[in-house]
């Protein structure tokens, strides 16, 4: 699976952004997916995850209520809608896919086999 993330940018606190991740290669619809982020000099951290059919989602406490993860399997697209952005949301955001169809959503980065290149989100105060 090849993943291409986009949609990042420079915004002000309180603004919204919609990140997208387009998949190609192997069948996108069978994989649980996730969004992670990494700020400078910090470890990569979990943001949100979604099951293959979109019925199960999970969010980091830091973004719960402000972000929504969704997917359109017909368009091979994963989306992260981020509202009420804060300066601490500044990071490179990565989309990722689990390695096999029977694997469910996960909050652990090392449990993902495929990664996109990342898209920068910068939130100014």
PDB file of N, CA and C in Angstrom:
ATOM      1  N   UNK A   1       0.849  -1.191   0.000  1.00  0.00           N
ATOM      2  CA  UNK A   1       0.000   0.000   0.000  1.00  0.00           C
ATOM      3  C   UNK A   1       0.884   1.241   0.000  1.00  0.00           C
ATOM      4  N   UNK A   2       0.627   2.132  -0.932  1.00  0.00           N
ATOM      5  CA  UNK A   2       1.312   3.429  -0.941  1.00  0.00           C
ATOM      6  C   UNK A   2       0.322   4.485  -0.450  1.00  0.00           C
ATOM      7  N   UNK A   3       0.782   5.330   0.458  1.00  0.00           N
ATOM      8  CA  UNK A   3      -0.080   6.331   1.078  1.00  0.00           C
ATOM      9  C   UNK A   3       0.462   7.728   0.803  1.00  0.00           C
ATOM     10  N   UNK A   4      -0.415   8.636   0.435  1.00  0.00           N
ATOM     11  CA  UNK A   4      -0.041  10.013   0.135  1.00  0.00           C
ATOM     12  C   UNK A   4      -0.913  10.949   0.954  1.00  0.00           C
ATOM     13  N   UNK A   5      -0.301  11.602   1.933  1.00  0.00           N
ATOM     14  CA  UNK A   5      -1.033  12.532   2.792  1.00  0.00           C
ATOM     15  C   UNK A   5      -0.940  13.951   2.252  1.00  0.00           C
ATOM     16  N   UNK A   6      -1.996  14.715   2.490  1.00  0.00           N
ATOM     17  CA  UNK A   6      -2.016  16.112   2.063  1.00  0.00           C
ATOM     18  C   UNK A   6      -3.001  16.887   2.925  1.00  0.00           C
ATOM     19  N   UNK A   7      -3.007  18.202   2.753  1.00  0.00           N
ATOM     20  CA  UNK A   7      -3.983  19.035   3.438  1.00  0.00           C
ATOM     21  C   UNK A   7      -3.428  19.870   4.574  1.00  0.00           C
ATOM     22  N   UNK A   8      -2.168  19.676   4.905  1.00  0.00           N
ATOM     23  CA  UNK A   8      -1.585  20.472   5.975  1.00  0.00           C
ATOM     24  C   UNK A   8      -1.391  21.915   5.560  1.00  0.00           C
ATOM     25  N   UNK A   9      -1.005  22.733   6.524  1.00  0.00           N
ATOM     26  CA  UNK A   9      -0.771  24.130   6.227  1.00  0.00           C
ATOM     27  C   UNK A   9      -0.531  24.933   7.474  1.00  0.00           C
ATOM     28  N   UNK A  10      -0.435  26.246   7.282  1.00  0.00           N
ATOM     29  CA  UNK A  10      -0.251  27.185   8.385  1.00  0.00           C
ATOM     30  C   UNK A  10      -1.591  27.852   8.673  1.00  0.00           C
ATOM     31  N   UNK A  11      -2.080  27.679   9.888  1.00  0.00           N
ATOM     32  CA  UNK A  11      -3.370  28.237  10.276  1.00  0.00           C
ATOM     33  C   UNK A  11      -3.234  28.918  11.629  1.00  0.00           C
ATOM     34  N   UNK A  12      -4.273  29.645  12.001  1.00  0.00           N
ATOM     35  CA  UNK A  12      -4.301  30.272  13.315  1.00  0.00           C
ATOM     36  C   UNK A  12      -5.065  29.408  14.310  1.00  0.00           C
ATOM     37  N   UNK A  13      -4.790  29.619  15.562  1.00  0.00           N
ATOM     38  CA  UNK A  13      -5.509  28.894  16.612  1.00  0.00           C
ATOM     39  C   UNK A  13      -7.007  29.112  16.439  1.00  0.00           C
ATOM     40  N   UNK A  14      -7.748  28.012  16.556  1.00  0.00           N
ATOM     41  CA  UNK A  14      -9.192  28.072  16.391  1.00  0.00           C
ATOM     42  C   UNK A  14      -9.661  27.709  14.993  1.00  0.00           C
ATOM     43  N   UNK A  15      -8.752  27.691  14.039  1.00  0.00           N
ATOM     44  CA  UNK A  15      -9.109  27.341  12.662  1.00  0.00           C
ATOM     45  C   UNK A  15      -9.293  25.832  12.509  1.00  0.00           C
ATOM     46  N   UNK A  16      -9.683  25.445  11.319  1.00  0.00           N
ATOM     47  CA  UNK A  16      -9.884  24.035  10.992  1.00  0.00           C
ATOM     48  C   UNK A  16      -9.016  23.635   9.798  1.00  0.00           C
ATOM     49  N   UNK A  17      -8.698  22.362   9.750  1.00  0.00           N
ATOM     50  CA  UNK A  17      -7.996  21.776   8.616  1.00  0.00           C
ATOM     51  C   UNK A  17      -8.569  20.395   8.344  1.00  0.00           C
ATOM     52  N   UNK A  18      -8.503  20.014   7.093  1.00  0.00           N
ATOM     53  CA  UNK A  18      -8.948  18.679   6.703  1.00  0.00           C
ATOM     54  C   UNK A  18      -7.788  17.976   6.017  1.00  0.00           C
ATOM     55  N   UNK A  19      -7.257  16.967   6.666  1.00  0.00           N
ATOM     56  CA  UNK A  19      -6.170  16.190   6.103  1.00  0.00           C
ATOM     57  C   UNK A  19      -6.733  15.007   5.327  1.00  0.00           C
ATOM     58  N   UNK A  20      -6.098  14.698   4.216  1.00  0.00           N
ATOM     59  CA  UNK A  20      -6.507  13.557   3.404  1.00  0.00           C
ATOM     60  C   UNK A  20      -5.330  12.626   3.187  1.00  0.00           C
ATOM     61  N   UNK A  21      -5.645  11.375   2.983  1.00  0.00           N
ATOM     62  CA  UNK A  21      -4.632  10.363   2.707  1.00  0.00           C
ATOM     63  C   UNK A  21      -5.200   9.449   1.631  1.00  0.00           C
ATOM     64  N   UNK A  22      -4.566   9.462   0.482  1.00  0.00           N
ATOM     65  CA  UNK A  22      -5.021   8.636  -0.631  1.00  0.00           C
ATOM     66  C   UNK A  22      -4.134   7.408  -0.729  1.00  0.00           C
ATOM     67  N   UNK A  23      -4.756   6.256  -0.839  1.00  0.00           N
ATOM     68  CA  UNK A  23      -4.023   4.995  -0.893  1.00  0.00           C
ATOM     69  C   UNK A  23      -4.030   4.432  -2.295  1.00  0.00           C
ATOM     70  N   UNK A  24      -2.963   3.777  -2.640  1.00  0.00           N
ATOM     71  CA  UNK A  24      -2.878   3.078  -3.918  1.00  0.00           C
ATOM     72  C   UNK A  24      -2.138   1.766  -3.694  1.00  0.00           C
ATOM     73  N   UNK A  25      -2.223   0.893  -4.653  1.00  0.00           N
ATOM     74  CA  UNK A  25      -1.552  -0.390  -4.522  1.00  0.00           C
ATOM     75  C   UNK A  25      -2.543  -1.453  -4.085  1.00  0.00           C
ATOM     76  N   UNK A  26      -2.302  -2.050  -2.962  1.00  0.00           N
ATOM     77  CA  UNK A  26      -3.147  -3.126  -2.469  1.00  0.00           C
ATOM     78  C   UNK A  26      -4.500  -2.577  -2.015  1.00  0.00           C
ATOM     79  N   UNK A  27      -5.448  -3.442  -1.797  1.00  0.00           N
ATOM     80  CA  UNK A  27      -6.813  -3.053  -1.499  1.00  0.00           C
ATOM     81  C   UNK A  27      -6.886  -2.252  -0.204  1.00  0.00           C
ATOM     82  N   UNK A  28      -7.222  -0.999  -0.335  1.00  0.00           N
ATOM     83  CA  UNK A  28      -7.276  -0.087   0.809  1.00  0.00           C
ATOM     84  C   UNK A  28      -8.355  -0.487   1.798  1.00  0.00           C
ATOM     85  N   UNK A  29      -9.481  -0.969   1.290  1.00  0.00           N
ATOM     86  CA  UNK A  29     -10.661  -1.137   2.135  1.00  0.00           C
ATOM     87  C   UNK A  29     -10.511  -2.210   3.203  1.00  0.00           C
ATOM     88  N   UNK A  30      -9.508  -3.066   3.122  1.00  0.00           N
ATOM     89  CA  UNK A  30      -9.411  -4.155   4.084  1.00  0.00           C
ATOM     90  C   UNK A  30      -8.544  -3.807   5.290  1.00  0.00           C
ATOM     91  N   UNK A  31      -7.924  -2.648   5.272  1.00  0.00           N
ATOM     92  CA  UNK A  31      -6.980  -2.316   6.328  1.00  0.00           C
ATOM     93  C   UNK A  31      -7.534  -1.296   7.315  1.00  0.00           C
ATOM     94  N   UNK A  32      -7.307  -1.558   8.592  1.00  0.00           N
ATOM     95  CA  UNK A  32      -7.507  -0.502   9.574  1.00  0.00           C
ATOM     96  C   UNK A  32      -6.449   0.573   9.339  1.00  0.00           C
ATOM     97  N   UNK A  33      -6.819   1.809   9.613  1.00  0.00           N
ATOM     98  CA  UNK A  33      -5.955   2.944   9.312  1.00  0.00           C
ATOM     99  C   UNK A  33      -5.798   3.824  10.538  1.00  0.00           C
ATOM    100  N   UNK A  34      -4.787   4.657  10.497  1.00  0.00           N
ATOM    101  CA  UNK A  34      -4.596   5.580  11.605  1.00  0.00           C
ATOM    102  C   UNK A  34      -3.906   6.858  11.177  1.00  0.00           C
ATOM    103  N   UNK A  35      -4.054   7.862  12.016  1.00  0.00           N
ATOM    104  CA  UNK A  35      -3.311   9.112  11.890  1.00  0.00           C
ATOM    105  C   UNK A  35      -2.401   9.256  13.115  1.00  0.00           C
ATOM    106  N   UNK A  36      -1.190   9.664  12.867  1.00  0.00           N
ATOM    107  CA  UNK A  36      -0.221   9.922  13.918  1.00  0.00           C
ATOM    108  C   UNK A  36       0.425  11.275  13.647  1.00  0.00           C
ATOM    109  N   UNK A  37       1.095  11.796  14.645  1.00  0.00           N
ATOM    110  CA  UNK A  37       1.787  13.069  14.452  1.00  0.00           C
ATOM    111  C   UNK A  37       3.101  13.073  15.217  1.00  0.00           C
ATOM    112  N   UNK A  38       4.001  13.897  14.726  1.00  0.00           N
ATOM    113  CA  UNK A  38       5.306  14.000  15.380  1.00  0.00           C
ATOM    114  C   UNK A  38       5.749  15.455  15.359  1.00  0.00           C
ATOM    115  N   UNK A  39       5.914  15.992  16.548  1.00  0.00           N
ATOM    116  CA  UNK A  39       6.422  17.351  16.711  1.00  0.00           C
ATOM    117  C   UNK A  39       7.940  17.298  16.832  1.00  0.00           C
ATOM    118  N   UNK A  40       8.609  18.416  16.570  1.00  0.00           N
ATOM    119  CA  UNK A  40      10.078  18.432  16.663  1.00  0.00           C
ATOM    120  C   UNK A  40      10.566  17.940  18.012  1.00  0.00           C
ATOM    121  N   UNK A  41      11.532  17.061  17.991  1.00  0.00           N
ATOM    122  CA  UNK A  41      12.181  16.516  19.178  1.00  0.00           C
ATOM    123  C   UNK A  41      11.234  15.729  20.073  1.00  0.00           C
ATOM    124  N   UNK A  42      10.119  15.274  19.506  1.00  0.00           N
ATOM    125  CA  UNK A  42       9.183  14.436  20.255  1.00  0.00           C
ATOM    126  C   UNK A  42       8.955  13.138  19.502  1.00  0.00           C
ATOM    127  N   UNK A  43       8.491  12.134  20.223  1.00  0.00           N
ATOM    128  CA  UNK A  43       8.194  10.860  19.596  1.00  0.00           C
ATOM    129  C   UNK A  43       6.876  10.952  18.816  1.00  0.00           C
ATOM    130  N   UNK A  44       6.750  10.059  17.845  1.00  0.00           N
ATOM    131  CA  UNK A  44       5.514   9.993  17.088  1.00  0.00           C
ATOM    132  C   UNK A  44       4.389   9.552  18.017  1.00  0.00           C
ATOM    133  N   UNK A  45       3.250  10.236  17.934  1.00  0.00           N
ATOM    134  CA  UNK A  45       2.154   9.921  18.835  1.00  0.00           C
ATOM    135  C   UNK A  45       0.857   9.677  18.077  1.00  0.00           C
ATOM    136  N   UNK A  46       0.029   8.891  18.699  1.00  0.00           N
ATOM    137  CA  UNK A  46      -1.260   8.515  18.141  1.00  0.00           C
ATOM    138  C   UNK A  46      -2.204   9.700  18.122  1.00  0.00           C
ATOM    139  N   UNK A  47      -2.993   9.796  17.042  1.00  0.00           N
ATOM    140  CA  UNK A  47      -4.029  10.818  16.950  1.00  0.00           C
ATOM    141  C   UNK A  47      -5.407  10.172  16.836  1.00  0.00           C
ATOM    142  N   UNK A  48      -5.578   9.301  15.850  1.00  0.00           N
ATOM    143  CA  UNK A  48      -6.880   8.676  15.634  1.00  0.00           C
ATOM    144  C   UNK A  48      -6.702   7.405  14.828  1.00  0.00           C
ATOM    145  N   UNK A  49      -7.651   6.484  14.980  1.00  0.00           N
ATOM    146  CA  UNK A  49      -7.616   5.249  14.228  1.00  0.00           C
ATOM    147  C   UNK A  49      -9.031   4.835  13.844  1.00  0.00           C
ATOM    148  N   UNK A  50      -9.144   4.037  12.782  1.00  0.00           N
ATOM    149  CA  UNK A  50     -10.456   3.645  12.282  1.00  0.00           C
ATOM    150  C   UNK A  50     -10.381   2.227  11.729  1.00  0.00           C
ATOM    151  N   UNK A  51     -11.441   1.450  11.934  1.00  0.00           N
ATOM    152  CA  UNK A  51     -11.494   0.090  11.419  1.00  0.00           C
ATOM    153  C   UNK A  51     -11.691   0.091   9.911  1.00  0.00           C
ATOM    154  N   UNK A  52     -11.576  -1.082   9.312  1.00  0.00           N
ATOM    155  CA  UNK A  52     -11.652  -1.173   7.858  1.00  0.00           C
ATOM    156  C   UNK A  52     -12.997  -0.698   7.324  1.00  0.00           C
ATOM    157  N   UNK A  53     -14.050  -0.890   8.099  1.00  0.00           N
ATOM    158  CA  UNK A  53     -15.382  -0.519   7.623  1.00  0.00           C
ATOM    159  C   UNK A  53     -15.863   0.812   8.214  1.00  0.00           C
ATOM    160  N   UNK A  54     -15.028   1.471   8.979  1.00  0.00           N
ATOM    161  CA  UNK A  54     -15.382   2.770   9.536  1.00  0.00           C
ATOM    162  C   UNK A  54     -16.261   2.729  10.760  1.00  0.00           C
ATOM    163  N   UNK A  55     -16.611   1.548  11.229  1.00  0.00           N
ATOM    164  CA  UNK A  55     -17.564   1.459  12.339  1.00  0.00           C
ATOM    165  C   UNK A  55     -16.910   1.675  13.694  1.00  0.00           C
ATOM    166  N   UNK A  56     -15.628   1.465  13.766  1.00  0.00           N
ATOM    167  CA  UNK A  56     -14.917   1.621  15.039  1.00  0.00           C
ATOM    168  C   UNK A  56     -13.859   2.700  14.886  1.00  0.00           C
ATOM    169  N   UNK A  57     -13.891   3.654  15.791  1.00  0.00           N
ATOM    170  CA  UNK A  57     -12.886   4.709  15.800  1.00  0.00           C
ATOM    171  C   UNK A  57     -12.376   4.916  17.215  1.00  0.00           C
ATOM    172  N   UNK A  58     -11.207   5.504  17.320  1.00  0.00           N
ATOM    173  CA  UNK A  58     -10.640   5.830  18.611  1.00  0.00           C
ATOM    174  C   UNK A  58      -9.777   7.074  18.444  1.00  0.00           C
ATOM    175  N   UNK A  59      -9.711   7.871  19.494  1.00  0.00           N
ATOM    176  CA  UNK A  59      -8.996   9.138  19.426  1.00  0.00           C
ATOM    177  C   UNK A  59      -8.101   9.330  20.644  1.00  0.00           C
ATOM    178  N   UNK A  60      -7.019  10.041  20.437  1.00  0.00           N
ATOM    179  CA  UNK A  60      -6.210  10.461  21.569  1.00  0.00           C
ATOM    180  C   UNK A  60      -7.012  11.463  22.392  1.00  0.00           C
ATOM    181  N   UNK A  61      -6.809  11.443  23.685  1.00  0.00           N
ATOM    182  CA  UNK A  61      -7.534  12.370  24.556  1.00  0.00           C
ATOM    183  C   UNK A  61      -7.295  13.821  24.146  1.00  0.00           C
ATOM    184  N   UNK A  62      -6.109  14.099  23.641  1.00  0.00           N
ATOM    185  CA  UNK A  62      -5.745  15.472  23.296  1.00  0.00           C
ATOM    186  C   UNK A  62      -6.545  16.030  22.120  1.00  0.00           C
ATOM    187  N   UNK A  63      -7.139  15.158  21.309  1.00  0.00           N
ATOM    188  CA  UNK A  63      -7.893  15.631  20.140  1.00  0.00           C
ATOM    189  C   UNK A  63      -9.362  15.236  20.191  1.00  0.00           C
ATOM    190  N   UNK A  64      -9.740  14.462  21.193  1.00  0.00           N
ATOM    191  CA  UNK A  64     -11.114  13.973  21.280  1.00  0.00           C
ATOM    192  C   UNK A  64     -12.077  15.149  21.351  1.00  0.00           C
ATOM    193  N   UNK A  65     -13.112  15.108  20.528  1.00  0.00           N
ATOM    194  CA  UNK A  65     -14.079  16.190  20.480  1.00  0.00           C
ATOM    195  C   UNK A  65     -13.720  17.279  19.489  1.00  0.00           C
ATOM    196  N   UNK A  66     -12.471  17.279  19.004  1.00  0.00           N
ATOM    197  CA  UNK A  66     -12.048  18.285  18.034  1.00  0.00           C
ATOM    198  C   UNK A  66     -11.735  17.681  16.666  1.00  0.00           C
ATOM    199  N   UNK A  67     -11.476  16.389  16.641  1.00  0.00           N
ATOM    200  CA  UNK A  67     -11.080  15.732  15.395  1.00  0.00           C
ATOM    201  C   UNK A  67     -12.031  14.582  15.061  1.00  0.00           C
ATOM    202  N   UNK A  68     -12.193  14.354  13.776  1.00  0.00           N
ATOM    203  CA  UNK A  68     -13.012  13.245  13.301  1.00  0.00           C
ATOM    204  C   UNK A  68     -12.260  12.517  12.200  1.00  0.00           C
ATOM    205  N   UNK A  69     -12.086  11.215  12.406  1.00  0.00           N
ATOM    206  CA  UNK A  69     -11.462  10.387  11.379  1.00  0.00           C
ATOM    207  C   UNK A  69     -12.566   9.691  10.588  1.00  0.00           C
ATOM    208  N   UNK A  70     -12.381   9.594   9.286  1.00  0.00           N
ATOM    209  CA  UNK A  70     -13.363   8.925   8.441  1.00  0.00           C
ATOM    210  C   UNK A  70     -12.650   8.346   7.227  1.00  0.00           C
ATOM    211  N   UNK A  71     -13.369   7.502   6.507  1.00  0.00           N
ATOM    212  CA  UNK A  71     -12.776   6.907   5.321  1.00  0.00           C
ATOM    213  C   UNK A  71     -13.849   6.692   4.265  1.00  0.00           C
ATOM    214  N   UNK A  72     -13.412   6.742   3.013  1.00  0.00           N
ATOM    215  CA  UNK A  72     -14.269   6.439   1.882  1.00  0.00           C
ATOM    216  C   UNK A  72     -13.562   5.337   1.107  1.00  0.00           C
ATOM    217  N   UNK A  73     -13.966   4.116   1.333  1.00  0.00           N
ATOM    218  CA  UNK A  73     -13.277   2.991   0.701  1.00  0.00           C
ATOM    219  C   UNK A  73     -13.447   2.989  -0.810  1.00  0.00           C
ATOM    220  N   UNK A  74     -14.528   3.528  -1.291  1.00  0.00           N
ATOM    221  CA  UNK A  74     -14.729   3.587  -2.735  1.00  0.00           C
ATOM    222  C   UNK A  74     -13.715   4.525  -3.393  1.00  0.00           C
ATOM    223  N   UNK A  75     -13.237   5.513  -2.641  1.00  0.00           N
ATOM    224  CA  UNK A  75     -12.271   6.474  -3.170  1.00  0.00           C
ATOM    225  C   UNK A  75     -10.869   6.262  -2.611  1.00  0.00           C
ATOM    226  N   UNK A  76     -10.704   5.173  -1.850  1.00  0.00           N
ATOM    227  CA  UNK A  76      -9.387   4.871  -1.255  1.00  0.00           C
ATOM    228  C   UNK A  76      -8.832   6.063  -0.479  1.00  0.00           C
ATOM    229  N   UNK A  77      -9.691   6.709   0.274  1.00  0.00           N
ATOM    230  CA  UNK A  77      -9.298   7.939   0.945  1.00  0.00           C
ATOM    231  C   UNK A  77      -9.601   7.887   2.432  1.00  0.00           C
ATOM    232  N   UNK A  78      -8.628   8.302   3.217  1.00  0.00           N
ATOM    233  CA  UNK A  78      -8.749   8.462   4.654  1.00  0.00           C
ATOM    234  C   UNK A  78      -8.706   9.955   4.950  1.00  0.00           C
ATOM    235  N   UNK A  79      -9.539  10.404   5.877  1.00  0.00           N
ATOM    236  CA  UNK A  79      -9.633  11.832   6.168  1.00  0.00           C
ATOM    237  C   UNK A  79      -9.543  12.083   7.671  1.00  0.00           C
ATOM    238  N   UNK A  80      -8.931  13.198   8.020  1.00  0.00           N
ATOM    239  CA  UNK A  80      -8.926  13.653   9.411  1.00  0.00           C
ATOM    240  C   UNK A  80      -9.385  15.110   9.404  1.00  0.00           C
ATOM    241  N   UNK A  81     -10.573  15.335   9.925  1.00  0.00           N
ATOM    242  CA  UNK A  81     -11.096  16.690  10.074  1.00  0.00           C
ATOM    243  C   UNK A  81     -10.674  17.209  11.440  1.00  0.00           C
ATOM    244  N   UNK A  82      -9.960  18.326  11.445  1.00  0.00           N
ATOM    245  CA  UNK A  82      -9.466  18.890  12.700  1.00  0.00           C
ATOM    246  C   UNK A  82     -10.056  20.275  12.888  1.00  0.00           C
ATOM    247  N   UNK A  83     -10.737  20.459  14.002  1.00  0.00           N
ATOM    248  CA  UNK A  83     -11.367  21.741  14.329  1.00  0.00           C
ATOM    249  C   UNK A  83     -10.742  22.319  15.592  1.00  0.00           C
ATOM    250  N   UNK A  84     -10.994  23.593  15.800  1.00  0.00           N
ATOM    251  CA  UNK A  84     -10.507  24.273  17.012  1.00  0.00           C
ATOM    252  C   UNK A  84      -9.033  23.978  17.254  1.00  0.00           C
ATOM    253  N   UNK A  85      -8.246  24.162  16.226  1.00  0.00           N
ATOM    254  CA  UNK A  85      -6.832  23.814  16.320  1.00  0.00           C
ATOM    255  C   UNK A  85      -6.110  24.671  17.344  1.00  0.00           C
ATOM    256  N   UNK A  86      -5.127  24.056  17.985  1.00  0.00           N
ATOM    257  CA  UNK A  86      -4.342  24.707  19.027  1.00  0.00           C
ATOM    258  C   UNK A  86      -2.866  24.707  18.609  1.00  0.00           C
ATOM    259  N   UNK A  87      -2.072  25.610  19.146  1.00  0.00           N
ATOM    260  CA  UNK A  87      -0.639  25.601  18.823  1.00  0.00           C
ATOM    261  C   UNK A  87       0.025  24.254  19.124  1.00  0.00           C
ATOM    262  N   UNK A  88      -0.433  23.565  20.144  1.00  0.00           N
ATOM    263  CA  UNK A  88       0.158  22.266  20.477  1.00  0.00           C
ATOM    264  C   UNK A  88      -0.206  21.162  19.480  1.00  0.00           C
ATOM    265  N   UNK A  89      -1.066  21.465  18.533  1.00  0.00           N
ATOM    266  CA  UNK A  89      -1.347  20.516  17.457  1.00  0.00           C
ATOM    267  C   UNK A  89      -0.293  20.589  16.346  1.00  0.00           C
ATOM    268  N   UNK A  90       0.605  21.540  16.438  1.00  0.00           N
ATOM    269  CA  UNK A  90       1.644  21.695  15.431  1.00  0.00           C
ATOM    270  C   UNK A  90       2.528  20.453  15.375  1.00  0.00           C
ATOM    271  N   UNK A  91       2.620  19.861  14.195  1.00  0.00           N
ATOM    272  CA  UNK A  91       3.388  18.631  14.017  1.00  0.00           C
ATOM    273  C   UNK A  91       3.326  18.215  12.548  1.00  0.00           C
ATOM    274  N   UNK A  92       4.119  17.230  12.217  1.00  0.00           N
ATOM    275  CA  UNK A  92       3.950  16.541  10.942  1.00  0.00           C
ATOM    276  C   UNK A  92       2.962  15.409  11.172  1.00  0.00           C
ATOM    277  N   UNK A  93       1.938  15.353  10.341  1.00  0.00           N
ATOM    278  CA  UNK A  93       0.893  14.349  10.484  1.00  0.00           C
ATOM    279  C   UNK A  93       1.091  13.258   9.441  1.00  0.00           C
ATOM    280  N   UNK A  94       1.013  12.020   9.920  1.00  0.00           N
ATOM    281  CA  UNK A  94       1.222  10.857   9.071  1.00  0.00           C
ATOM    282  C   UNK A  94      -0.016   9.975   9.066  1.00  0.00           C
ATOM    283  N   UNK A  95      -0.363   9.456   7.901  1.00  0.00           N
ATOM    284  CA  UNK A  95      -1.372   8.409   7.839  1.00  0.00           C
ATOM    285  C   UNK A  95      -0.653   7.064   7.743  1.00  0.00           C
ATOM    286  N   UNK A  96      -1.319   6.034   8.235  1.00  0.00           N
ATOM    287  CA  UNK A  96      -0.696   4.716   8.277  1.00  0.00           C
ATOM    288  C   UNK A  96      -1.746   3.631   8.126  1.00  0.00           C
ATOM    289  N   UNK A  97      -1.315   2.476   7.641  1.00  0.00           N
ATOM    290  CA  UNK A  97      -2.208   1.335   7.447  1.00  0.00           C
ATOM    291  C   UNK A  97      -1.656   0.108   8.167  1.00  0.00           C
ATOM    292  N   UNK A  98      -2.565  -0.677   8.786  1.00  0.00           N
ATOM    293  CA  UNK A  98      -2.134  -1.933   9.373  1.00  0.00           C
ATOM    294  C   UNK A  98      -1.684  -2.875   8.269  1.00  0.00           C
ATOM    295  N   UNK A  99      -0.936  -3.903   8.631  1.00  0.00           N
ATOM    296  CA  UNK A  99      -0.310  -4.762   7.629  1.00  0.00           C
ATOM    297  C   UNK A  99      -1.164  -5.877   7.074  1.00  0.00           C
ATOM    298  N   UNK A 100      -2.231  -6.244   7.766  1.00  0.00           N
ATOM    299  CA  UNK A 100      -3.055  -7.362   7.313  1.00  0.00           C
ATOM    300  C   UNK A 100      -4.524  -7.083   7.585  1.00  0.00           C
ATOM    301  N   UNK A 101      -5.370  -7.765   6.844  1.00  0.00           N
ATOM    302  CA  UNK A 101      -6.796  -7.464   6.887  1.00  0.00           C
ATOM    303  C   UNK A 101      -7.442  -7.813   8.216  1.00  0.00           C
ATOM    304  N   UNK A 102      -6.900  -8.749   8.960  1.00  0.00           N
ATOM    305  CA  UNK A 102      -7.544  -9.158  10.215  1.00  0.00           C
ATOM    306  C   UNK A 102      -7.129  -8.295  11.404  1.00  0.00           C
ATOM    307  N   UNK A 103      -6.240  -7.353  11.160  1.00  0.00           N
ATOM    308  CA  UNK A 103      -5.764  -6.496  12.233  1.00  0.00           C
ATOM    309  C   UNK A 103      -6.693  -5.300  12.399  1.00  0.00           C
ATOM    310  N   UNK A 104      -7.108  -5.059  13.610  1.00  0.00           N
ATOM    311  CA  UNK A 104      -8.027  -3.962  13.868  1.00  0.00           C
ATOM    312  C   UNK A 104      -7.323  -2.658  14.130  1.00  0.00           C
ATOM    313  N   UNK A 105      -8.083  -1.636  14.513  1.00  0.00           N
ATOM    314  CA  UNK A 105      -7.487  -0.337  14.827  1.00  0.00           C
ATOM    315  C   UNK A 105      -6.482  -0.462  15.961  1.00  0.00           C
ATOM    316  N   UNK A 106      -5.484   0.405  15.934  1.00  0.00           N
ATOM    317  CA  UNK A 106      -4.455   0.372  16.969  1.00  0.00           C
ATOM    318  C   UNK A 106      -3.958   1.776  17.256  1.00  0.00           C
ATOM    319  N   UNK A 107      -3.559   1.992  18.506  1.00  0.00           N
ATOM    320  CA  UNK A 107      -3.002   3.285  18.905  1.00  0.00           C
ATOM    321  C   UNK A 107      -1.478   3.256  18.889  1.00  0.00           C
ATOM    322  N   UNK A 108      -0.887   2.130  18.544  1.00  0.00           N
ATOM    323  CA  UNK A 108       0.555   1.922  18.633  1.00  0.00           C
ATOM    324  C   UNK A 108       1.207   2.064  17.267  1.00  0.00           C
ATOM    325  N   UNK A 109       2.095   3.035  17.093  1.00  0.00           N
ATOM    326  CA  UNK A 109       2.701   3.258  15.765  1.00  0.00           C
ATOM    327  C   UNK A 109       3.436   2.038  15.221  1.00  0.00           C
ATOM    328  N   UNK A 110       4.085   1.285  16.066  1.00  0.00           N
ATOM    329  CA  UNK A 110       4.872   0.148  15.593  1.00  0.00           C
ATOM    330  C   UNK A 110       4.013  -0.986  15.058  1.00  0.00           C
ATOM    331  N   UNK A 111       2.713  -0.912  15.258  1.00  0.00           N
ATOM    332  CA  UNK A 111       1.815  -1.949  14.753  1.00  0.00           C
ATOM    333  C   UNK A 111       1.280  -1.622  13.360  1.00  0.00           C
ATOM    334  N   UNK A 112       1.778  -0.553  12.767  1.00  0.00           N
ATOM    335  CA  UNK A 112       1.377  -0.182  11.416  1.00  0.00           C
ATOM    336  C   UNK A 112       2.505  -0.500  10.440  1.00  0.00           C
ATOM    337  N   UNK A 113       2.128  -1.088   9.303  1.00  0.00           N
ATOM    338  CA  UNK A 113       3.127  -1.552   8.350  1.00  0.00           C
ATOM    339  C   UNK A 113       3.420  -0.530   7.250  1.00  0.00           C
ATOM    340  N   UNK A 114       2.449   0.297   6.929  1.00  0.00           N
ATOM    341  CA  UNK A 114       2.589   1.218   5.805  1.00  0.00           C
ATOM    342  C   UNK A 114       2.372   2.652   6.282  1.00  0.00           C
ATOM    343  N   UNK A 115       3.233   3.543   5.783  1.00  0.00           N
ATOM    344  CA  UNK A 115       3.190   4.943   6.214  1.00  0.00           C
ATOM    345  C   UNK A 115       3.242   5.877   5.025  1.00  0.00           C
ATOM    346  N   UNK A 116       2.510   6.983   5.139  1.00  0.00           N
ATOM    347  CA  UNK A 116       2.631   8.049   4.161  1.00  0.00           C
ATOM    348  C   UNK A 116       3.809   8.936   4.497  1.00  0.00           C
ATOM    349  N   UNK A 117       4.040   9.936   3.670  1.00  0.00           N
ATOM    350  CA  UNK A 117       5.231  10.775   3.809  1.00  0.00           C
ATOM    351  C   UNK A 117       5.042  11.903   4.827  1.00  0.00           C
ATOM    352  N   UNK A 118       3.836  12.163   5.254  1.00  0.00           N
ATOM    353  CA  UNK A 118       3.603  13.216   6.237  1.00  0.00           C
ATOM    354  C   UNK A 118       3.225  14.541   5.612  1.00  0.00           C
ATOM    355  N   UNK A 119       2.421  15.298   6.341  1.00  0.00           N
ATOM    356  CA  UNK A 119       2.031  16.634   5.922  1.00  0.00           C
ATOM    357  C   UNK A 119       2.138  17.556   7.136  1.00  0.00           C
ATOM    358  N   UNK A 120       2.739  18.727   6.949  1.00  0.00           N
ATOM    359  CA  UNK A 120       3.014  19.627   8.059  1.00  0.00           C
ATOM    360  C   UNK A 120       1.783  20.437   8.419  1.00  0.00           C
ATOM    361  N   UNK A 121       1.476  20.445   9.705  1.00  0.00           N
ATOM    362  CA  UNK A 121       0.427  21.309  10.243  1.00  0.00           C
ATOM    363  C   UNK A 121       1.075  22.257  11.236  1.00  0.00           C
ATOM    364  N   UNK A 122       0.913  23.543  11.010  1.00  0.00           N
ATOM    365  CA  UNK A 122       1.455  24.557  11.909  1.00  0.00           C
ATOM    366  C   UNK A 122       0.324  25.469  12.353  1.00  0.00           C
ATOM    367  N   UNK A 123       0.155  25.561  13.669  1.00  0.00           N
ATOM    368  CA  UNK A 123      -0.914  26.377  14.236  1.00  0.00           C
ATOM    369  C   UNK A 123      -0.278  27.524  15.013  1.00  0.00           C
ATOM    370  N   UNK A 124      -0.546  28.737  14.589  1.00  0.00           N
ATOM    371  CA  UNK A 124       0.016  29.900  15.272  1.00  0.00           C
ATOM    372  C   UNK A 124      -0.974  30.415  16.306  1.00  0.00           C
ATOM    373  N   UNK A 125      -0.428  30.999  17.364  1.00  0.00           N
ATOM    374  CA  UNK A 125      -1.281  31.487  18.454  1.00  0.00           C
ATOM    375  C   UNK A 125      -1.731  32.914  18.207  1.00  0.00           C
TER     376      UNK A 125
END
